Amino acid sequence: MANIKADKELDCLGLYCPVPIMKTAEMMKNMKSGEILEIIADDEGIIKDMPAWAKMTGNEVLSSETEGEIHKLYVKKK
């Protein structure tokens, strides 16, 4: 498990593409540059979708880990 301190947490359990990305984008709008958002999801599509979204928007996926069917991603705002 990553030892990353998130500034905010986003629970996307039970939500499927593209909702977790939309909720992430919405939450990131209200965050300061350099802050880290922890996203928890059970849609495996997020493993590919989040890095693609981050690259497009200039944000950075610091860590992506999976435990069972739960995915945790840490995204740093540009």
N, C-alpha and C. Protein backbone atom coordinates (compact mmCIF):
# COMPACT_ATOMS: atom_id res chain seq x y z
N MET A 1 0.83 -1.20 0.00
CA MET A 1 0.00 0.00 0.00
C MET A 1 0.87 1.26 0.00
N ALA A 2 0.42 2.21 -0.76
CA ALA A 2 1.16 3.47 -0.84
C ALA A 2 1.03 4.22 0.48
N ASN A 3 2.08 4.91 0.84
CA ASN A 3 2.06 5.70 2.07
C ASN A 3 1.92 7.17 1.67
N ILE A 4 0.79 7.48 1.03
CA ILE A 4 0.55 8.82 0.52
C ILE A 4 -0.54 9.47 1.37
N LYS A 5 -0.29 10.70 1.76
CA LYS A 5 -1.28 11.44 2.56
C LYS A 5 -2.16 12.24 1.61
N ALA A 6 -3.43 11.82 1.53
CA ALA A 6 -4.38 12.51 0.65
C ALA A 6 -4.98 13.72 1.37
N ASP A 7 -5.20 14.79 0.61
CA ASP A 7 -5.86 15.97 1.16
C ASP A 7 -7.37 15.79 1.17
N LYS A 8 -7.88 15.05 0.18
CA LYS A 8 -9.32 14.79 0.08
C LYS A 8 -9.53 13.37 -0.41
N GLU A 9 -10.73 12.84 -0.13
CA GLU A 9 -11.06 11.47 -0.52
C GLU A 9 -12.35 11.47 -1.32
N LEU A 10 -12.41 10.64 -2.35
CA LEU A 10 -13.59 10.52 -3.19
C LEU A 10 -13.99 9.06 -3.27
N ASP A 11 -15.19 8.75 -2.79
CA ASP A 11 -15.72 7.39 -2.80
C ASP A 11 -16.55 7.19 -4.06
N CYS A 12 -16.06 6.34 -4.97
CA CYS A 12 -16.77 6.05 -6.21
C CYS A 12 -17.22 4.59 -6.26
N LEU A 13 -17.34 3.96 -5.10
CA LEU A 13 -17.78 2.57 -5.07
C LEU A 13 -19.20 2.47 -5.63
N GLY A 14 -19.40 1.50 -6.51
CA GLY A 14 -20.72 1.29 -7.11
C GLY A 14 -20.98 2.17 -8.32
N LEU A 15 -20.03 3.03 -8.67
CA LEU A 15 -20.19 3.92 -9.83
C LEU A 15 -19.36 3.39 -10.99
N TYR A 16 -19.90 3.54 -12.19
CA TYR A 16 -19.21 3.00 -13.36
C TYR A 16 -18.93 4.09 -14.38
N CYS A 17 -17.95 3.82 -15.22
CA CYS A 17 -17.49 4.74 -16.25
C CYS A 17 -18.68 5.38 -16.99
N PRO A 18 -18.66 6.68 -17.16
CA PRO A 18 -17.58 7.64 -16.88
C PRO A 18 -17.75 8.40 -15.57
N VAL A 19 -18.67 7.96 -14.71
CA VAL A 19 -18.99 8.73 -13.49
C VAL A 19 -17.79 8.98 -12.58
N PRO A 20 -16.93 7.98 -12.28
CA PRO A 20 -15.78 8.27 -11.40
C PRO A 20 -14.87 9.36 -11.95
N ILE A 21 -14.67 9.39 -13.27
CA ILE A 21 -13.82 10.43 -13.88
C ILE A 21 -14.52 11.79 -13.77
N MET A 22 -15.82 11.82 -14.01
CA MET A 22 -16.57 13.08 -13.91
C MET A 22 -16.53 13.62 -12.49
N LYS A 23 -16.71 12.74 -11.51
CA LYS A 23 -16.68 13.16 -10.10
C LYS A 23 -15.27 13.63 -9.71
N THR A 24 -14.26 12.95 -10.22
CA THR A 24 -12.87 13.35 -9.95
C THR A 24 -12.61 14.75 -10.51
N ALA A 25 -13.01 14.96 -11.76
CA ALA A 25 -12.81 16.27 -12.40
C ALA A 25 -13.50 17.37 -11.61
N GLU A 26 -14.73 17.10 -11.16
CA GLU A 26 -15.51 18.08 -10.39
C GLU A 26 -14.80 18.41 -9.08
N MET A 27 -14.32 17.38 -8.39
CA MET A 27 -13.67 17.59 -7.10
C MET A 27 -12.34 18.33 -7.26
N MET A 28 -11.61 18.01 -8.32
CA MET A 28 -10.30 18.64 -8.55
C MET A 28 -10.43 20.14 -8.79
N LYS A 29 -11.57 20.57 -9.32
CA LYS A 29 -11.80 22.01 -9.57
C LYS A 29 -11.69 22.82 -8.29
N ASN A 30 -12.08 22.20 -7.17
CA ASN A 30 -12.09 22.90 -5.89
C ASN A 30 -10.84 22.65 -5.05
N MET A 31 -9.83 22.03 -5.66
CA MET A 31 -8.60 21.75 -4.93
C MET A 31 -7.49 22.68 -5.39
N LYS A 32 -6.51 22.88 -4.51
CA LYS A 32 -5.36 23.73 -4.83
C LYS A 32 -4.29 22.91 -5.54
N SER A 33 -3.47 23.59 -6.30
CA SER A 33 -2.34 22.95 -6.98
C SER A 33 -1.47 22.23 -5.96
N GLY A 34 -1.10 20.98 -6.26
CA GLY A 34 -0.24 20.21 -5.37
C GLY A 34 -1.00 19.33 -4.39
N GLU A 35 -2.31 19.57 -4.23
CA GLU A 35 -3.10 18.74 -3.33
C GLU A 35 -3.33 17.37 -3.96
N ILE A 36 -3.55 16.38 -3.09
CA ILE A 36 -3.71 15.00 -3.55
C ILE A 36 -5.12 14.50 -3.22
N LEU A 37 -5.73 13.86 -4.22
CA LEU A 37 -7.06 13.28 -4.08
C LEU A 37 -6.94 11.77 -4.11
N GLU A 38 -7.53 11.12 -3.11
CA GLU A 38 -7.58 9.65 -3.08
C GLU A 38 -8.94 9.23 -3.63
N ILE A 39 -8.93 8.39 -4.67
CA ILE A 39 -10.17 7.91 -5.27
C ILE A 39 -10.28 6.42 -4.98
N ILE A 40 -11.43 6.00 -4.46
CA ILE A 40 -11.68 4.59 -4.19
C ILE A 40 -12.82 4.17 -5.11
N ALA A 41 -12.58 3.11 -5.89
CA ALA A 41 -13.57 2.67 -6.86
C ALA A 41 -13.55 1.15 -7.01
N ASP A 42 -14.65 0.61 -7.51
CA ASP A 42 -14.68 -0.83 -7.78
C ASP A 42 -14.94 -1.12 -9.27
N ASP A 43 -14.87 -0.08 -10.09
CA ASP A 43 -14.97 -0.25 -11.54
C ASP A 43 -13.55 -0.38 -12.08
N GLU A 44 -13.20 -1.56 -12.60
CA GLU A 44 -11.81 -1.78 -13.03
C GLU A 44 -11.41 -0.88 -14.20
N GLY A 45 -12.37 -0.28 -14.89
CA GLY A 45 -12.07 0.64 -15.97
C GLY A 45 -11.27 1.84 -15.51
N ILE A 46 -11.37 2.16 -14.23
CA ILE A 46 -10.67 3.34 -13.69
C ILE A 46 -9.15 3.18 -13.78
N ILE A 47 -8.67 1.95 -13.79
CA ILE A 47 -7.23 1.69 -13.85
C ILE A 47 -6.63 2.25 -15.15
N LYS A 48 -7.37 2.19 -16.25
CA LYS A 48 -6.89 2.75 -17.53
C LYS A 48 -7.39 4.18 -17.72
N ASP A 49 -8.63 4.43 -17.28
CA ASP A 49 -9.25 5.73 -17.53
C ASP A 49 -8.60 6.88 -16.76
N MET A 50 -8.26 6.64 -15.50
CA MET A 50 -7.71 7.73 -14.68
C MET A 50 -6.36 8.22 -15.20
N PRO A 51 -5.40 7.33 -15.54
CA PRO A 51 -4.14 7.83 -16.09
C PRO A 51 -4.35 8.59 -17.41
N ALA A 52 -5.27 8.13 -18.23
CA ALA A 52 -5.54 8.82 -19.51
C ALA A 52 -6.11 10.20 -19.24
N TRP A 53 -7.05 10.29 -18.29
CA TRP A 53 -7.65 11.58 -17.93
C TRP A 53 -6.59 12.51 -17.35
N ALA A 54 -5.76 11.98 -16.45
CA ALA A 54 -4.72 12.79 -15.80
C ALA A 54 -3.76 13.35 -16.84
N LYS A 55 -3.36 12.53 -17.79
CA LYS A 55 -2.43 12.97 -18.84
C LYS A 55 -3.07 14.09 -19.67
N MET A 56 -4.34 13.93 -19.99
CA MET A 56 -5.06 14.93 -20.79
C MET A 56 -5.21 16.26 -20.05
N THR A 57 -5.36 16.20 -18.74
CA THR A 57 -5.64 17.40 -17.95
C THR A 57 -4.39 17.98 -17.27
N GLY A 58 -3.26 17.27 -17.38
CA GLY A 58 -2.03 17.77 -16.77
C GLY A 58 -1.87 17.40 -15.30
N ASN A 59 -2.79 16.59 -14.77
CA ASN A 59 -2.66 16.12 -13.39
C ASN A 59 -1.79 14.87 -13.39
N GLU A 60 -1.48 14.35 -12.20
CA GLU A 60 -0.55 13.22 -12.11
C GLU A 60 -1.09 12.12 -11.21
N VAL A 61 -1.13 10.89 -11.74
CA VAL A 61 -1.48 9.74 -10.92
C VAL A 61 -0.21 9.32 -10.19
N LEU A 62 -0.21 9.48 -8.87
CA LEU A 62 0.97 9.16 -8.07
C LEU A 62 1.06 7.68 -7.78
N SER A 63 -0.11 7.04 -7.61
CA SER A 63 -0.15 5.63 -7.24
C SER A 63 -1.49 5.04 -7.63
N SER A 64 -1.44 3.77 -7.99
CA SER A 64 -2.65 3.03 -8.33
C SER A 64 -2.48 1.64 -7.76
N GLU A 65 -3.38 1.23 -6.88
CA GLU A 65 -3.25 -0.08 -6.27
C GLU A 65 -4.59 -0.78 -6.21
N THR A 66 -4.56 -2.09 -6.25
CA THR A 66 -5.78 -2.88 -6.23
C THR A 66 -5.69 -3.91 -5.13
N GLU A 67 -6.75 -4.01 -4.35
CA GLU A 67 -6.84 -5.02 -3.30
C GLU A 67 -8.20 -5.68 -3.46
N GLY A 68 -8.20 -6.92 -3.94
CA GLY A 68 -9.47 -7.58 -4.25
C GLY A 68 -10.11 -6.87 -5.43
N GLU A 69 -11.32 -6.38 -5.23
CA GLU A 69 -12.01 -5.66 -6.30
C GLU A 69 -12.01 -4.15 -6.08
N ILE A 70 -11.27 -3.70 -5.07
CA ILE A 70 -11.23 -2.27 -4.74
C ILE A 70 -9.94 -1.66 -5.29
N HIS A 71 -10.11 -0.55 -6.01
CA HIS A 71 -8.98 0.17 -6.58
C HIS A 71 -8.84 1.50 -5.85
N LYS A 72 -7.60 1.83 -5.49
CA LYS A 72 -7.30 3.11 -4.85
C LYS A 72 -6.31 3.83 -5.74
N LEU A 73 -6.65 5.05 -6.08
CA LEU A 73 -5.74 5.86 -6.89
C LEU A 73 -5.49 7.18 -6.19
N TYR A 74 -4.28 7.67 -6.32
CA TYR A 74 -3.92 8.96 -5.74
C TYR A 74 -3.54 9.89 -6.88
N VAL A 75 -4.27 10.99 -7.00
CA VAL A 75 -4.05 11.92 -8.11
C VAL A 75 -3.66 13.29 -7.54
N LYS A 76 -2.54 13.81 -8.05
CA LYS A 76 -2.05 15.11 -7.60
C LYS A 76 -2.49 16.17 -8.60
N LYS A 77 -3.09 17.25 -8.06
CA LYS A 77 -3.54 18.34 -8.92
C LYS A 77 -2.35 19.12 -9.45
N LYS A 78 -2.43 19.48 -10.73
CA LYS A 78 -1.32 20.23 -11.36
C LYS A 78 -1.17 21.60 -10.76
